[in-house]
N, C-alpha and C. Protein backbone atom coordinates (compact mmCIF):
# COMPACT_ATOMS: atom_id res chain seq x y z
N UNK A 1 41.88 -14.25 39.81
CA UNK A 1 40.23 -13.45 40.05
C UNK A 1 39.12 -13.51 38.92
N UNK A 2 37.97 -13.14 39.41
CA UNK A 2 37.02 -13.75 38.51
C UNK A 2 36.05 -12.20 38.58
N UNK A 3 35.58 -11.91 37.30
CA UNK A 3 35.23 -10.81 36.75
C UNK A 3 33.94 -10.06 37.86
N UNK A 4 33.33 -11.19 38.40
CA UNK A 4 32.41 -10.91 39.47
C UNK A 4 32.52 -10.34 40.97
N UNK A 5 34.16 -10.17 40.58
CA UNK A 5 34.88 -9.79 42.14
C UNK A 5 34.77 -7.74 41.64
N UNK A 6 34.85 -7.87 40.67
CA UNK A 6 34.53 -6.36 39.86
C UNK A 6 33.49 -5.65 40.26
N UNK A 7 32.24 -6.28 40.27
CA UNK A 7 30.67 -5.78 40.85
C UNK A 7 30.27 -5.98 41.95
N UNK A 8 31.21 -7.14 42.92
CA UNK A 8 30.80 -7.07 44.05
C UNK A 8 31.00 -5.47 45.17
N UNK A 9 29.58 -5.32 45.59
CA UNK A 9 29.83 -3.79 46.45
C UNK A 9 30.48 -4.25 47.57
N UNK A 10 30.80 -5.49 48.19
CA UNK A 10 31.62 -5.82 49.42
C UNK A 10 32.39 -6.34 49.33
N UNK A 11 33.27 -6.03 48.15
CA UNK A 11 34.67 -6.18 48.86
C UNK A 11 35.38 -4.76 48.18
N UNK A 12 36.38 -4.51 49.00
CA UNK A 12 37.31 -3.31 49.00
C UNK A 12 37.19 -2.87 47.80
N UNK A 13 37.73 -1.38 47.60
CA UNK A 13 37.85 -0.79 46.53
C UNK A 13 39.39 -1.43 45.49
N UNK A 14 40.36 -1.49 46.11
CA UNK A 14 41.64 -1.85 45.14
C UNK A 14 40.76 -3.62 44.72
N UNK A 15 40.40 -4.26 45.34
CA UNK A 15 40.27 -5.51 44.73
C UNK A 15 39.19 -5.05 43.56
N UNK A 16 38.15 -4.43 43.85
CA UNK A 16 37.49 -3.59 42.57
C UNK A 16 37.91 -3.77 41.40
N UNK A 17 38.82 -2.11 41.70
CA UNK A 17 39.66 -1.75 40.58
C UNK A 17 40.57 -2.60 40.24
N UNK A 18 41.17 -3.95 40.84
CA UNK A 18 42.45 -5.13 40.21
C UNK A 18 41.32 -5.59 39.04
N UNK A 19 40.01 -6.04 39.80
CA UNK A 19 39.69 -7.19 38.52
C UNK A 19 39.24 -6.78 37.21
N UNK A 20 38.72 -4.96 37.42
CA UNK A 20 39.01 -4.47 35.86
C UNK A 20 40.05 -4.49 35.68
N UNK A 21 41.31 -4.42 35.76
CA UNK A 21 42.87 -4.17 34.81
C UNK A 21 43.26 -5.64 34.93
N UNK A 22 43.06 -7.02 35.34
CA UNK A 22 42.97 -8.06 35.84
C UNK A 22 43.35 -8.66 34.34
N UNK A 23 44.17 -8.92 34.12
CA UNK A 23 45.03 -9.95 32.87
C UNK A 23 45.47 -9.19 32.23
N UNK A 24 45.89 -10.40 30.78
CA UNK A 24 47.73 -10.13 30.20
C UNK A 24 47.41 -8.83 29.68
N UNK A 25 46.28 -8.58 29.38
CA UNK A 25 46.29 -7.31 27.85
C UNK A 25 45.40 -6.28 28.07
N UNK A 26 44.97 -6.18 29.84
CA UNK A 26 44.45 -5.07 29.59
C UNK A 26 44.84 -3.42 29.88
N UNK A 27 46.08 -3.54 30.86
CA UNK A 27 47.11 -2.08 31.11
C UNK A 27 47.75 -2.00 29.59
N UNK A 28 48.33 -3.02 28.91
CA UNK A 28 48.77 -2.19 27.73
C UNK A 28 47.78 -1.82 26.85
N UNK A 29 46.54 -2.38 26.76
CA UNK A 29 45.54 -2.07 25.88
C UNK A 29 44.93 -0.78 25.99
N UNK A 30 44.80 -0.14 27.25
CA UNK A 30 44.47 1.03 28.20
C UNK A 30 46.20 2.21 27.73
N UNK A 31 47.08 1.27 28.04
CA UNK A 31 48.17 2.39 27.21
C UNK A 31 48.61 2.83 26.00
N UNK A 32 47.20 1.54 25.40
CA UNK A 32 47.64 2.32 23.85
C UNK A 32 46.90 3.38 23.34
N UNK A 33 45.47 2.79 24.06
CA UNK A 33 44.26 3.52 23.34
C UNK A 33 44.46 5.06 24.21
N UNK A 34 44.76 5.14 25.02
CA UNK A 34 45.57 6.35 25.94
C UNK A 34 45.99 7.58 24.76
N UNK A 35 46.73 6.91 23.89
CA UNK A 35 47.13 7.88 23.09
C UNK A 35 46.34 7.73 21.53
N UNK A 36 44.80 7.61 21.92
CA UNK A 36 43.87 7.56 21.05
C UNK A 36 43.30 6.58 20.24
N UNK A 37 42.36 7.04 19.28
CA UNK A 37 41.48 5.91 19.13
C UNK A 37 42.49 4.66 18.28
N UNK A 38 42.10 3.65 17.87
CA UNK A 38 42.47 2.44 17.35
C UNK A 38 41.97 1.60 17.00
N UNK A 39 41.80 0.79 15.48
CA UNK A 39 41.26 0.23 15.09
C UNK A 39 42.09 -1.38 15.58
N UNK A 40 40.97 -2.42 15.53
CA UNK A 40 41.20 -3.97 15.96
C UNK A 40 42.89 -4.42 15.46
N UNK A 41 42.39 -4.25 14.24
CA UNK A 41 44.24 -4.54 13.40
C UNK A 41 45.50 -3.95 13.72
N UNK A 42 45.01 -2.25 13.88
CA UNK A 42 45.98 -1.68 14.39
C UNK A 42 46.67 -1.95 15.78
N UNK A 43 45.85 -2.43 16.76
CA UNK A 43 45.89 -2.98 17.83
C UNK A 43 46.66 -4.20 17.97
N UNK A 44 46.42 -5.20 17.14
CA UNK A 44 47.04 -6.58 16.64
C UNK A 44 48.56 -6.53 16.27
N UNK A 45 48.33 -5.11 15.16
CA UNK A 45 50.15 -4.83 14.80
C UNK A 45 50.58 -4.72 15.84
N UNK A 46 50.45 -3.87 17.11
CA UNK A 46 51.24 -3.53 18.18
C UNK A 46 51.76 -4.35 19.30
N UNK A 47 50.29 -5.12 19.18
CA UNK A 47 50.83 -6.20 20.56
C UNK A 47 51.03 -7.79 19.91
N UNK A 48 52.39 -7.93 19.12
CA UNK A 48 52.21 -9.31 19.05
C UNK A 48 52.34 -10.43 20.14
N UNK A 49 51.70 -11.45 19.67
CA UNK A 49 51.32 -12.47 20.72
C UNK A 49 50.13 -12.56 21.19
N UNK A 50 48.93 -11.42 20.79
CA UNK A 50 47.75 -10.99 21.10
C UNK A 50 46.78 -11.99 19.99
N UNK A 51 45.87 -12.60 20.17
CA UNK A 51 45.29 -12.94 19.22
C UNK A 51 44.09 -12.26 18.87
N UNK A 52 43.42 -12.35 17.44
CA UNK A 52 42.36 -11.62 17.37
C UNK A 52 41.30 -12.27 18.46
N UNK A 53 41.03 -13.27 18.77
CA UNK A 53 39.53 -13.82 19.30
C UNK A 53 40.09 -13.46 21.28
N UNK A 54 41.25 -13.45 21.41
CA UNK A 54 41.59 -12.54 23.08
C UNK A 54 41.21 -11.05 23.00
N UNK A 55 41.71 -10.83 22.05
CA UNK A 55 41.57 -9.48 21.52
C UNK A 55 40.37 -8.62 21.45
N UNK A 56 39.44 -9.30 21.00
CA UNK A 56 38.21 -8.95 20.94
C UNK A 56 37.34 -9.62 22.64
N UNK A 57 38.05 -10.69 23.03
CA UNK A 57 37.15 -10.84 24.24
C UNK A 57 37.75 -9.91 25.47
N UNK A 58 38.74 -9.14 25.18
CA UNK A 58 39.06 -8.36 26.26
C UNK A 58 38.41 -7.08 26.25
N UNK A 59 38.49 -6.22 24.76
CA UNK A 59 38.01 -5.48 24.79
C UNK A 59 36.28 -5.08 24.97
N UNK A 60 35.63 -6.61 24.96
CA UNK A 60 33.98 -6.60 25.07
C UNK A 60 34.05 -6.44 26.80
N UNK A 61 34.95 -6.84 26.93
CA UNK A 61 34.79 -6.80 28.87
C UNK A 61 35.28 -6.00 29.35
N UNK A 62 36.38 -4.96 28.49
CA UNK A 62 36.62 -3.09 29.11
C UNK A 62 35.41 -2.65 28.47
N UNK A 63 34.61 -2.97 27.14
CA UNK A 63 33.43 -1.94 27.04
C UNK A 63 32.24 -1.84 28.11
N UNK A 64 32.38 -3.15 28.34
CA UNK A 64 31.38 -3.89 29.64
C UNK A 64 31.54 -3.02 30.81
N UNK A 65 32.68 -3.09 31.26
CA UNK A 65 33.18 -2.43 32.52
C UNK A 65 32.99 -0.64 32.16
N UNK A 66 32.74 0.15 31.01
CA UNK A 66 32.76 1.59 30.77
C UNK A 66 34.16 2.42 30.68
N UNK A 67 35.06 1.33 30.64
CA UNK A 67 36.64 1.48 29.60
C UNK A 67 36.63 2.34 28.64
N UNK A 68 36.26 1.01 27.61
CA UNK A 68 36.48 1.99 26.14
C UNK A 68 34.96 1.87 25.29
N UNK A 69 35.30 2.64 24.06
CA UNK A 69 33.65 2.81 23.50
C UNK A 69 34.46 2.53 22.35
N UNK A 70 33.24 1.56 21.92
CA UNK A 70 33.40 0.64 20.35
C UNK A 70 32.43 1.51 19.63
N UNK A 71 33.50 2.45 18.28
CA UNK A 71 32.08 2.66 17.41
C UNK A 71 32.31 1.93 16.35
N UNK A 72 31.41 1.84 15.56
CA UNK A 72 31.43 1.27 14.06
C UNK A 72 30.61 2.14 13.14
N UNK A 73 31.46 2.28 12.00
CA UNK A 73 31.20 3.58 11.14
C UNK A 73 30.72 2.27 9.84
N UNK A 74 29.26 3.13 9.65
CA UNK A 74 28.92 2.65 8.36
C UNK A 74 28.97 2.59 6.81
N UNK A 75 30.50 1.70 6.90
CA UNK A 75 31.05 1.59 5.25
C UNK A 75 31.30 0.33 5.23
N UNK A 76 32.05 -0.16 4.13
CA UNK A 76 32.07 -1.54 3.70
C UNK A 76 33.64 -1.49 3.66
N UNK A 77 33.86 -2.18 3.64
CA UNK A 77 33.70 -3.08 5.18
C UNK A 77 33.94 -2.39 6.38
N UNK A 78 33.04 -2.84 7.06
CA UNK A 78 32.64 -1.89 8.51
C UNK A 78 34.08 -1.83 9.06
N UNK A 79 34.26 -0.45 9.32
CA UNK A 79 35.15 0.38 9.91
C UNK A 79 34.86 0.50 11.68
N UNK A 80 35.42 -0.41 12.30
CA UNK A 80 35.19 -0.35 14.36
C UNK A 80 36.43 0.97 14.55
N UNK A 81 36.52 1.00 15.21
CA UNK A 81 37.27 1.84 16.23
C UNK A 81 37.12 1.76 17.86
N UNK A 82 38.34 1.47 18.39
CA UNK A 82 38.00 1.69 19.93
C UNK A 82 38.77 2.94 20.87
N UNK A 83 37.97 3.84 21.42
CA UNK A 83 38.75 4.54 22.37
C UNK A 83 38.19 4.35 23.81
N UNK A 84 39.13 5.74 24.06
CA UNK A 84 39.00 5.45 25.97
C UNK A 84 37.65 6.29 26.14
N UNK A 85 36.96 5.78 27.02
CA UNK A 85 36.02 6.84 27.83
C UNK A 85 36.23 7.54 28.66
N UNK A 86 35.46 8.45 29.06
CA UNK A 86 35.92 9.56 30.17
C UNK A 86 36.94 8.84 31.90
N UNK A 87 35.65 7.64 31.49
CA UNK A 87 36.33 6.78 32.94
C UNK A 87 37.15 6.08 32.44
N UNK A 88 37.78 5.29 31.65
CA UNK A 88 38.86 4.69 30.96
C UNK A 88 40.33 5.80 31.19
N UNK A 89 39.87 6.97 31.10
CA UNK A 89 40.81 7.99 30.96
C UNK A 89 40.93 8.03 32.37
N UNK A 90 40.15 8.33 33.34
CA UNK A 90 40.47 8.15 34.69
C UNK A 90 41.01 7.39 35.48
N UNK A 91 40.87 6.12 34.28
CA UNK A 91 41.58 4.71 35.20
C UNK A 91 43.09 5.20 35.05
N UNK A 92 43.29 5.89 33.74
CA UNK A 92 45.03 6.05 33.33
C UNK A 92 45.41 6.67 33.81
N UNK A 93 45.00 8.13 34.51
CA UNK A 93 45.31 8.81 35.46
C UNK A 93 45.64 8.20 36.78
N UNK A 94 44.68 7.88 37.54
CA UNK A 94 45.38 6.69 38.58
C UNK A 94 46.02 5.99 38.45
N UNK A 95 46.24 5.38 37.43
CA UNK A 95 47.44 3.90 37.19
C UNK A 95 48.48 4.62 36.97
N UNK A 96 48.50 5.85 36.89
CA UNK A 96 50.40 6.29 36.11
C UNK A 96 50.51 6.34 37.94
N UNK A 97 50.71 6.77 39.06
CA UNK A 97 51.61 6.71 39.77
C UNK A 97 52.37 5.26 39.93
N UNK A 98 51.06 3.93 39.93
CA UNK A 98 51.21 2.92 40.22
C UNK A 98 52.50 2.16 38.98
N UNK A 99 52.38 2.71 37.67
CA UNK A 99 53.22 2.44 36.92
C UNK A 99 54.51 3.11 37.08
N UNK A 100 54.63 4.43 37.92
CA UNK A 100 56.03 4.97 38.19
C UNK A 100 56.65 4.15 39.13
N UNK A 101 55.87 3.68 40.21
CA UNK A 101 56.32 2.92 41.37
C UNK A 101 56.95 1.38 41.00
N UNK A 102 56.23 0.95 39.99
CA UNK A 102 56.29 -0.17 39.10
C UNK A 102 58.01 -0.48 38.35
N UNK A 103 58.30 1.33 38.17
CA UNK A 103 59.29 1.08 37.30
C UNK A 103 60.84 1.07 37.84
N UNK A 104 59.88 2.17 39.51
CA UNK A 104 61.04 1.75 40.53
C UNK A 104 61.70 0.82 41.11
N UNK A 105 60.64 0.18 41.63
CA UNK A 105 61.09 -1.46 41.82
C UNK A 105 61.68 -2.38 40.76
N UNK A 106 61.55 -2.11 39.70
CA UNK A 106 62.17 -2.80 38.48
C UNK A 106 63.29 -2.38 38.59
N UNK A 107 64.02 -1.11 38.51
CA UNK A 107 64.79 -0.37 39.16
C UNK A 107 66.20 -1.19 40.36
N UNK A 108 65.30 -0.84 41.08
CA UNK A 108 65.44 -1.65 42.37
C UNK A 108 66.40 -3.04 42.19
N UNK A 109 65.75 -3.99 41.79
CA UNK A 109 65.74 -5.13 41.47
C UNK A 109 67.04 -5.80 40.52
N UNK A 110 66.87 -4.49 39.59
CA UNK A 110 68.52 -4.64 38.61
C UNK A 110 69.26 -4.43 39.36
N UNK A 111 69.34 -3.13 39.80
CA UNK A 111 70.68 -3.02 41.19
C UNK A 111 70.63 -4.21 42.06
N UNK A 112 69.95 -4.66 42.48
CA UNK A 112 70.14 -5.85 43.81
C UNK A 112 70.91 -6.73 42.98
N UNK A 113 70.64 -7.07 41.77
CA UNK A 113 71.15 -8.39 41.12
C UNK A 113 72.66 -8.36 41.10
N UNK A 114 73.14 -9.68 41.45
CA UNK A 114 74.71 -9.55 41.64
C UNK A 114 75.12 -9.72 40.49
N UNK A 115 76.61 -9.14 40.46
CA UNK A 115 77.35 -8.97 39.38
C UNK A 115 78.05 -10.09 38.83
N UNK A 116 78.01 -10.83 37.65
CA UNK A 116 78.56 -11.65 36.94
C UNK A 116 79.83 -11.31 36.60
């Protein structure tokens, strides 16, 4: 899905919402930031397999979508901290029931697997 779909007023609301959270890392970053502000290095340590480049790109997209706030502290070395905006917290609240549904689906799939 293209990023422009998130801003197209002629798509359905679900499509616009999914365009904002589309990608491998966005939902897990939302989940981590829901517990409080994090520095980029902390996020990288918590998410093995996520490169610095992809983290930066993803956080920039999330910032452009109004989900995260980037705060740079004027100290040496520069200290950058990311936190959820009110809009980002609102998104987390509406994603919680979807997450619950996803867990129920996974449980159902596990129960449906044949016993070996």
